Amino acid sequence: MDRENSPSALPSKPLLRTLHGEAQWPPPMWLMRQAGRYLPEFRAMRAKADFLTRCMTPDIATELTLQPIRRYDMDGAILFSDILILPWAMGQSLEFVEGKGPVLGAIRDRAALDRLDPGRVAEATAPVRETLSRLRRELPPQTTLLGFAGSPFTVACYMVEGSGSREFAITRQMALTEPALFDALMDKLTEATAEMLIGQVEAGAEAVMLFDSWAGLLPPSQFRRYVIAPTRRIVERLREAYPTLKIIGFPRLAGIMAAEYARETCVDALACDTSVDMTQMARMVPDDLTLQGNLDPLILQAGGEGMIREAQAIRDAMRGRPHIFNLGHGVVPQTPPEHVAALVQAVRDVS
């Protein structure tokens, strides 16, 4: 068992301490998609290999994860990978098409579902675990290594639809009209997600994050069934294996359901999207729950004094409670790297 995840260990890293419920000033920070196309060194690596190859080649994935750490000394380094590695590892076809995004062989019937094999996941994702092992050796001693996965509902959206979408109407219709089939898919994903994350922790991840990017598409009853319930099962499974493991949940665009999500799933941190008023959310959740977020990525792209004021307002509003500074979604590719540097300086400037 990893030292930081053993029962007797006291966390030594700022981000881990915050995930254990300690309020720090200034707060630790990292950014979703901090390893991305806005960095020239990332674009140079991108030209050498397609996306899936980059995810599954430890030399490349390690380098891409480290790039923003070298530039900005972030408190967290999140594994360079993708939420769709899991369905690919189970045997679903996956291709990333330039200008279109992911294209998968759509899961629309029981035969297609039965062809998915969770037993393939451990072997198929061995390169991801190798990347994590390398990162634990190469990261600065104060940087927390984050593993992650897509939450079952969001991953199911892509698996059923066969591509990205604004509404994922086919997926939502399946949940309504073929609930037994959709439940079977969700069950398979829930178990496979938990096992994949356990493998990530075994390989070196010190905390993990669950991305439910499309949670906000669901009405409350389905949100409870397809977002809260499977997330709770994953959290329970992870805690059986690693009782002190810290878990961040990101139910994007969940609105007021986010507070119920945090309470019912028992995640250690609630990542807040751009639409959330952090001060109001802080009043809706327990004082010892870590909040993460939530600067608008477009404000970061715009930069300037407006960005600095907004970032410091979020930071200052959260003073006195456990808070990890982050964005409300990922860094957009058009963001000037110097704006990220200015943001890091603004958040850490407490003079």
Protein backbone atom coordinates (compact mmCIF):
# COMPACT_ATOMS: atom_id res chain seq x y z
CA MET A 1 0.00 0.00 0.00
CA ASP A 2 1.23 3.50 -0.85
CA ARG A 3 2.63 5.44 2.11
CA GLU A 4 0.36 8.49 1.65
CA ASN A 5 -2.67 6.17 1.50
CA SER A 6 -1.78 4.12 4.57
CA PRO A 7 -3.86 4.71 7.70
CA SER A 8 -0.97 6.01 9.81
CA ALA A 9 0.39 8.47 7.27
CA LEU A 10 0.01 12.21 7.67
CA PRO A 11 -0.11 13.94 4.31
CA SER A 12 2.95 16.01 3.54
CA LYS A 13 1.78 17.65 0.33
CA PRO A 14 -0.34 20.84 0.19
CA LEU A 15 -3.04 19.45 -2.10
CA LEU A 16 -3.31 16.22 -0.12
CA ARG A 17 -3.55 18.15 3.14
CA THR A 18 -6.45 20.13 1.72
CA LEU A 19 -8.16 16.93 0.60
CA HIS A 20 -7.81 15.75 4.20
CA GLY A 21 -9.85 18.81 5.25
CA GLU A 22 -7.16 21.33 6.16
CA ALA A 23 -7.77 24.94 5.11
CA GLN A 24 -4.55 26.45 3.74
CA TRP A 25 -3.58 29.95 2.72
CA PRO A 26 -3.00 30.43 -0.12
CA PRO A 27 -4.91 27.41 -1.37
CA PRO A 28 -3.17 24.73 -3.43
CA MET A 29 -3.99 24.84 -7.13
CA TRP A 30 -3.98 22.90 -10.35
CA LEU A 31 -6.02 23.28 -13.54
CA MET A 32 -8.17 20.89 -15.48
CA ARG A 33 -6.53 20.31 -18.89
CA GLN A 34 -3.38 22.01 -17.64
CA ALA A 35 -1.54 19.67 -20.02
CA GLY A 36 -2.99 20.81 -23.31
CA ARG A 37 -2.79 22.51 -26.66
CA TYR A 38 -2.28 25.98 -25.22
CA LEU A 39 1.33 24.99 -24.45
CA PRO A 40 3.79 25.12 -27.36
CA GLU A 41 5.74 22.17 -25.96
CA PHE A 42 2.50 20.15 -25.91
CA ARG A 43 1.79 21.03 -29.55
CA ALA A 44 5.29 19.89 -30.48
CA MET A 45 4.64 16.49 -28.91
CA ARG A 46 1.15 16.36 -30.44
CA ALA A 47 2.63 16.51 -33.92
CA LYS A 48 4.57 13.29 -33.30
CA ALA A 49 1.71 10.89 -32.50
CA ASP A 50 -2.07 10.56 -32.58
CA PHE A 51 -4.07 11.07 -29.40
CA LEU A 52 -4.55 7.43 -28.44
CA THR A 53 -0.86 6.72 -29.00
CA ARG A 54 0.03 9.64 -26.75
CA CYS A 55 -2.22 8.32 -23.99
CA MET A 56 -0.86 4.79 -24.23
CA THR A 57 2.86 5.53 -24.60
CA PRO A 58 4.41 6.08 -21.15
CA ASP A 59 7.31 8.18 -22.44
CA ILE A 60 4.90 10.61 -24.10
CA ALA A 61 2.17 10.62 -21.45
CA THR A 62 4.74 11.20 -18.70
CA GLU A 63 6.29 14.12 -20.56
CA LEU A 64 2.90 15.72 -21.28
CA THR A 65 1.85 15.41 -17.63
CA LEU A 66 5.09 17.03 -16.47
CA GLN A 67 5.06 19.99 -18.86
CA PRO A 68 2.74 22.28 -16.84
CA ILE A 69 4.46 21.25 -13.61
CA ARG A 70 7.79 22.46 -14.96
CA ARG A 71 6.27 25.73 -16.18
CA TYR A 72 4.00 26.63 -13.29
CA ASP A 73 4.89 24.43 -10.30
CA MET A 74 1.28 23.32 -9.88
CA ASP A 75 0.38 21.56 -6.64
CA GLY A 76 -1.35 18.77 -8.54
CA ALA A 77 -0.30 16.80 -11.61
CA ILE A 78 -3.17 14.97 -13.29
CA LEU A 79 -2.38 11.95 -15.42
CA PHE A 80 -2.45 12.66 -19.16
CA SER A 81 -5.06 10.24 -20.44
CA ASP A 82 -8.73 10.25 -21.46
CA ILE A 83 -12.02 9.06 -20.00
CA LEU A 84 -12.65 6.90 -23.08
CA ILE A 85 -9.62 4.72 -22.45
CA LEU A 86 -11.91 2.51 -20.35
CA PRO A 87 -14.42 1.55 -23.09
CA TRP A 88 -11.50 1.12 -25.51
CA ALA A 89 -9.83 -1.18 -22.98
CA MET A 90 -13.04 -3.23 -22.75
CA GLY A 91 -13.01 -3.73 -26.51
CA GLN A 92 -15.12 -0.91 -27.94
CA SER A 93 -13.66 0.59 -31.09
CA LEU A 94 -12.33 4.11 -30.59
CA GLU A 95 -10.81 6.66 -32.92
CA PHE A 96 -10.08 10.33 -32.33
CA VAL A 97 -10.86 12.21 -35.54
CA GLU A 98 -9.33 15.64 -36.10
CA GLY A 99 -12.04 18.28 -36.03
CA LYS A 100 -14.70 15.82 -34.86
CA GLY A 101 -13.48 14.26 -31.66
CA PRO A 102 -14.00 10.68 -30.47
CA VAL A 103 -15.77 8.17 -32.70
CA LEU A 104 -16.79 4.85 -31.15
CA GLY A 105 -18.67 1.76 -32.29
CA ALA A 106 -22.03 2.61 -30.73
CA ILE A 107 -23.47 0.29 -28.07
CA ARG A 108 -27.17 0.01 -28.93
CA ASP A 109 -28.16 -3.58 -28.07
CA ARG A 110 -27.41 -6.46 -25.75
CA ALA A 111 -25.09 -8.18 -28.23
CA ALA A 112 -22.87 -5.10 -28.46
CA LEU A 113 -22.88 -4.76 -24.68
CA ASP A 114 -21.99 -8.43 -24.18
CA ARG A 115 -18.95 -8.03 -26.42
CA LEU A 116 -17.43 -5.61 -23.90
CA ASP A 117 -15.01 -7.48 -21.67
CA PRO A 118 -13.97 -5.86 -18.36
CA GLY A 119 -11.42 -8.63 -18.02
CA ARG A 120 -9.32 -6.95 -20.72
CA VAL A 121 -8.96 -3.68 -18.82
CA ALA A 122 -6.02 -4.47 -16.57
CA GLU A 123 -3.79 -5.68 -19.40
CA ALA A 124 -4.90 -2.98 -21.86
CA THR A 125 -4.25 -0.17 -19.39
CA ALA A 126 -0.85 -1.44 -18.23
CA PRO A 127 0.88 1.47 -20.06
CA VAL A 128 -1.25 3.94 -18.06
CA ARG A 129 -0.09 2.37 -14.82
CA GLU A 130 3.50 2.52 -16.05
CA THR A 131 3.03 6.24 -16.70
CA LEU A 132 1.80 6.74 -13.13
CA SER A 133 4.74 4.81 -11.73
CA ARG A 134 7.15 6.98 -13.68
CA LEU A 135 5.42 10.15 -12.59
CA ARG A 136 5.70 9.25 -8.92
CA ARG A 137 9.45 8.98 -9.42
CA GLU A 138 9.82 12.16 -11.47
CA LEU A 139 7.42 14.65 -9.92
CA PRO A 140 8.68 17.22 -7.40
CA PRO A 141 8.25 15.97 -3.81
CA GLN A 142 5.46 18.45 -2.98
CA THR A 143 3.31 17.69 -6.05
CA THR A 144 0.30 15.41 -5.66
CA LEU A 145 -0.28 12.89 -8.44
CA LEU A 146 -3.93 12.61 -9.46
CA GLY A 147 -5.45 9.68 -11.27
CA PHE A 148 -8.89 9.92 -12.83
CA ALA A 149 -11.72 8.29 -14.69
CA GLY A 150 -14.93 9.31 -16.32
CA SER A 151 -18.01 8.59 -14.24
CA PRO A 152 -20.26 5.85 -15.63
CA PHE A 153 -23.05 8.09 -16.94
CA THR A 154 -20.73 10.38 -18.88
CA VAL A 155 -18.74 7.49 -20.34
CA ALA A 156 -22.00 5.73 -21.24
CA CYS A 157 -23.08 8.83 -23.16
CA TYR A 158 -20.18 8.46 -25.57
CA MET A 159 -20.47 4.68 -25.73
CA VAL A 160 -24.14 4.70 -26.68
CA GLU A 161 -24.08 7.78 -28.89
CA GLY A 162 -20.89 6.73 -30.67
CA SER A 163 -19.54 10.28 -30.61
CA GLY A 164 -19.83 13.57 -28.78
CA SER A 165 -23.14 15.42 -28.65
CA ARG A 166 -24.78 18.43 -27.08
CA GLU A 167 -27.80 16.57 -25.73
CA PHE A 168 -26.91 12.84 -25.92
CA ALA A 169 -30.56 12.21 -26.78
CA ILE A 170 -30.02 8.60 -27.91
CA THR A 171 -28.40 7.74 -24.58
CA ARG A 172 -31.10 9.40 -22.53
CA GLN A 173 -33.80 7.70 -24.58
CA MET A 174 -32.18 4.33 -23.98
CA ALA A 175 -32.25 5.00 -20.23
CA LEU A 176 -35.98 5.74 -20.49
CA THR A 177 -37.14 3.12 -22.98
CA GLU A 178 -34.65 0.28 -22.38
CA PRO A 179 -33.79 0.66 -18.70
CA ALA A 180 -32.66 -2.97 -18.29
CA LEU A 181 -30.09 -2.57 -21.08
CA PHE A 182 -28.91 0.79 -19.82
CA ASP A 183 -28.70 -0.46 -16.24
CA ALA A 184 -26.58 -3.39 -17.42
CA LEU A 185 -24.21 -0.99 -19.18
CA MET A 186 -24.00 1.22 -16.09
CA ASP A 187 -23.32 -1.78 -13.85
CA LYS A 188 -20.52 -2.96 -16.11
CA LEU A 189 -19.01 0.52 -16.24
CA THR A 190 -19.29 1.03 -12.49
CA GLU A 191 -17.37 -2.12 -11.66
CA ALA A 192 -14.76 -1.58 -14.38
CA THR A 193 -14.23 2.06 -13.35
CA ALA A 194 -13.61 1.10 -9.74
CA GLU A 195 -11.15 -1.61 -10.70
CA MET A 196 -9.30 0.69 -13.11
CA LEU A 197 -8.96 3.37 -10.43
CA ILE A 198 -7.71 0.84 -7.90
CA GLY A 199 -5.05 -0.06 -10.46
CA GLN A 200 -4.13 3.61 -10.80
CA VAL A 201 -3.69 3.93 -7.04
CA GLU A 202 -1.61 0.77 -6.92
CA ALA A 203 0.60 2.31 -9.60
CA GLY A 204 1.13 5.59 -7.75
CA ALA A 205 -1.91 7.89 -7.91
CA GLU A 206 -2.29 9.65 -4.54
CA ALA A 207 -5.87 10.83 -5.08
CA VAL A 208 -8.39 10.34 -7.87
CA MET A 209 -11.03 12.42 -9.62
CA LEU A 210 -14.29 11.30 -11.19
CA PHE A 211 -15.42 13.41 -14.13
CA ASP A 212 -19.19 13.40 -14.75
CA SER A 213 -19.15 16.05 -17.46
CA TRP A 214 -22.74 15.42 -18.64
CA ALA A 215 -24.41 14.93 -15.25
CA GLY A 216 -26.35 18.16 -15.71
CA LEU A 217 -28.37 16.70 -18.59
CA LEU A 218 -30.43 14.57 -16.22
CA PRO A 219 -33.54 15.47 -14.20
CA PRO A 220 -33.27 14.88 -10.44
CA SER A 221 -34.73 11.35 -10.40
CA GLN A 222 -32.35 10.11 -13.09
CA PHE A 223 -29.49 12.12 -11.62
CA ARG A 224 -29.91 10.14 -8.41
CA ARG A 225 -30.10 6.85 -10.29
CA TYR A 226 -27.36 7.32 -12.88
CA VAL A 227 -24.98 9.83 -11.27
CA ILE A 228 -25.22 9.58 -7.49
CA ALA A 229 -25.81 5.83 -7.11
CA PRO A 230 -22.95 4.57 -9.32
CA THR A 231 -20.58 7.18 -7.93
CA ARG A 232 -21.39 6.05 -4.41
CA ARG A 233 -20.67 2.43 -5.40
CA ILE A 234 -17.31 3.43 -6.88
CA VAL A 235 -16.40 5.42 -3.76
CA GLU A 236 -17.34 2.48 -1.53
CA ARG A 237 -15.27 0.07 -3.63
CA LEU A 238 -12.24 2.38 -3.58
CA ARG A 239 -12.50 2.85 0.17
CA GLU A 240 -12.64 -0.91 0.69
CA ALA A 241 -9.26 -1.14 -1.03
CA TYR A 242 -7.77 2.14 0.24
CA PRO A 243 -9.64 3.48 3.29
CA THR A 244 -7.79 6.83 3.36
CA LEU A 245 -7.83 7.48 -0.39
CA LYS A 246 -9.16 10.94 -1.26
CA ILE A 247 -11.69 11.25 -4.07
CA ILE A 248 -12.77 14.36 -5.98
CA GLY A 249 -16.15 14.34 -7.70
CA PHE A 250 -17.10 16.64 -10.57
CA PRO A 251 -20.82 16.53 -11.41
CA ARG A 252 -20.67 19.26 -14.04
CA LEU A 253 -23.74 21.51 -14.38
CA ALA A 254 -25.54 19.65 -11.59
CA GLY A 255 -26.86 22.88 -10.10
CA ILE A 256 -28.44 22.48 -6.69
CA MET A 257 -28.13 18.69 -7.06
CA ALA A 258 -24.39 19.08 -6.51
CA ALA A 259 -24.87 19.41 -2.76
CA GLU A 260 -26.91 16.18 -2.63
CA TYR A 261 -24.24 14.53 -4.79
CA ALA A 262 -21.53 15.51 -2.33
CA ARG A 263 -23.54 14.31 0.66
CA GLU A 264 -24.76 11.01 -0.78
CA THR A 265 -21.64 9.88 -2.65
CA CYS A 266 -19.29 10.66 0.28
CA VAL A 267 -16.61 12.14 -2.00
CA ASP A 268 -13.94 14.13 -0.16
CA ALA A 269 -14.01 17.09 -2.52
CA LEU A 270 -16.65 18.64 -4.74
CA ALA A 271 -15.31 20.19 -7.95
CA CYS A 272 -17.53 23.11 -8.91
CA ASP A 273 -18.20 24.12 -12.49
CA THR A 274 -18.26 27.69 -13.76
CA SER A 275 -21.98 28.17 -13.05
CA VAL A 276 -21.62 27.63 -9.28
CA ASP A 277 -21.54 30.47 -6.78
CA MET A 278 -18.85 29.09 -4.51
CA THR A 279 -19.99 31.10 -1.49
CA GLN A 280 -23.52 29.72 -1.74
CA MET A 281 -22.24 26.19 -2.32
CA ALA A 282 -20.08 26.50 0.79
CA ARG A 283 -23.24 27.11 2.81
CA MET A 284 -24.92 24.01 1.34
CA VAL A 285 -22.23 21.45 2.15
CA PRO A 286 -20.38 20.43 5.34
CA ASP A 287 -17.61 22.76 6.49
CA ASP A 288 -14.98 20.02 6.21
CA LEU A 289 -15.84 19.14 2.60
CA THR A 290 -13.15 20.41 0.26
CA LEU A 291 -14.40 22.59 -2.59
CA GLN A 292 -12.49 22.82 -5.85
CA GLY A 293 -12.83 25.52 -8.48
CA ASN A 294 -14.04 27.48 -10.20
CA LEU A 295 -12.69 30.27 -12.45
CA ASP A 296 -14.29 30.45 -15.89
CA PRO A 297 -11.76 29.18 -18.48
CA LEU A 298 -12.77 32.03 -20.80
CA ILE A 299 -11.84 34.55 -18.11
CA LEU A 300 -8.44 32.88 -18.00
CA GLN A 301 -8.22 33.11 -21.77
CA ALA A 302 -9.05 36.84 -21.63
CA GLY A 303 -6.47 37.47 -18.90
CA GLY A 304 -5.62 40.90 -17.57
CA GLU A 305 -6.72 42.67 -14.42
CA GLY A 306 -10.24 41.28 -14.74
CA MET A 307 -8.91 37.76 -14.50
CA ILE A 308 -6.79 38.61 -11.48
CA ARG A 309 -9.72 40.24 -9.67
CA GLU A 310 -12.05 37.32 -10.37
CA ALA A 311 -9.49 34.71 -9.34
CA GLN A 312 -8.63 36.47 -6.11
CA ALA A 313 -12.32 37.00 -5.32
CA ILE A 314 -12.91 33.24 -5.58
CA ARG A 315 -9.80 32.52 -3.53
CA ASP A 316 -10.65 35.08 -0.84
CA ALA A 317 -14.27 33.92 -0.54
CA MET A 318 -13.07 30.43 0.30
CA ARG A 319 -10.51 31.50 2.91
CA GLY A 320 -10.87 29.54 6.12
CA ARG A 321 -12.28 26.36 4.56
CA PRO A 322 -10.55 23.61 2.57
CA HIS A 323 -10.34 24.85 -1.02
CA ILE A 324 -8.36 23.82 -4.08
CA PHE A 325 -8.17 26.59 -6.66
CA ASN A 326 -9.00 25.38 -10.17
CA LEU A 327 -11.12 26.25 -13.17
CA GLY A 328 -14.79 25.43 -13.64
CA HIS A 329 -13.82 23.37 -16.68
CA GLY A 330 -10.65 22.76 -18.71
CA VAL A 331 -8.13 25.25 -20.07
CA VAL A 332 -9.20 26.16 -23.62
CA PRO A 333 -6.60 25.74 -26.39
CA GLN A 334 -6.58 29.45 -27.26
CA THR A 335 -5.33 30.44 -23.78
CA PRO A 336 -1.98 32.29 -23.82
CA PRO A 337 0.49 30.45 -21.55
CA GLU A 338 1.43 33.75 -19.90
CA HIS A 339 -2.14 34.11 -18.67
CA VAL A 340 -1.76 30.85 -16.76
CA ALA A 341 1.48 32.14 -15.26
CA ALA A 342 -0.30 35.33 -14.20
CA LEU A 343 -3.12 33.30 -12.67
CA VAL A 344 -0.71 31.18 -10.63
CA GLN A 345 0.99 34.33 -9.36
CA ALA A 346 -2.35 35.97 -8.51
CA VAL A 347 -3.63 32.99 -6.53
CA ARG A 348 -0.39 32.63 -4.59
CA ASP A 349 0.09 36.35 -3.94
CA VAL A 350 -1.13 36.97 -0.38
CA SER A 351 0.83 40.16 0.26
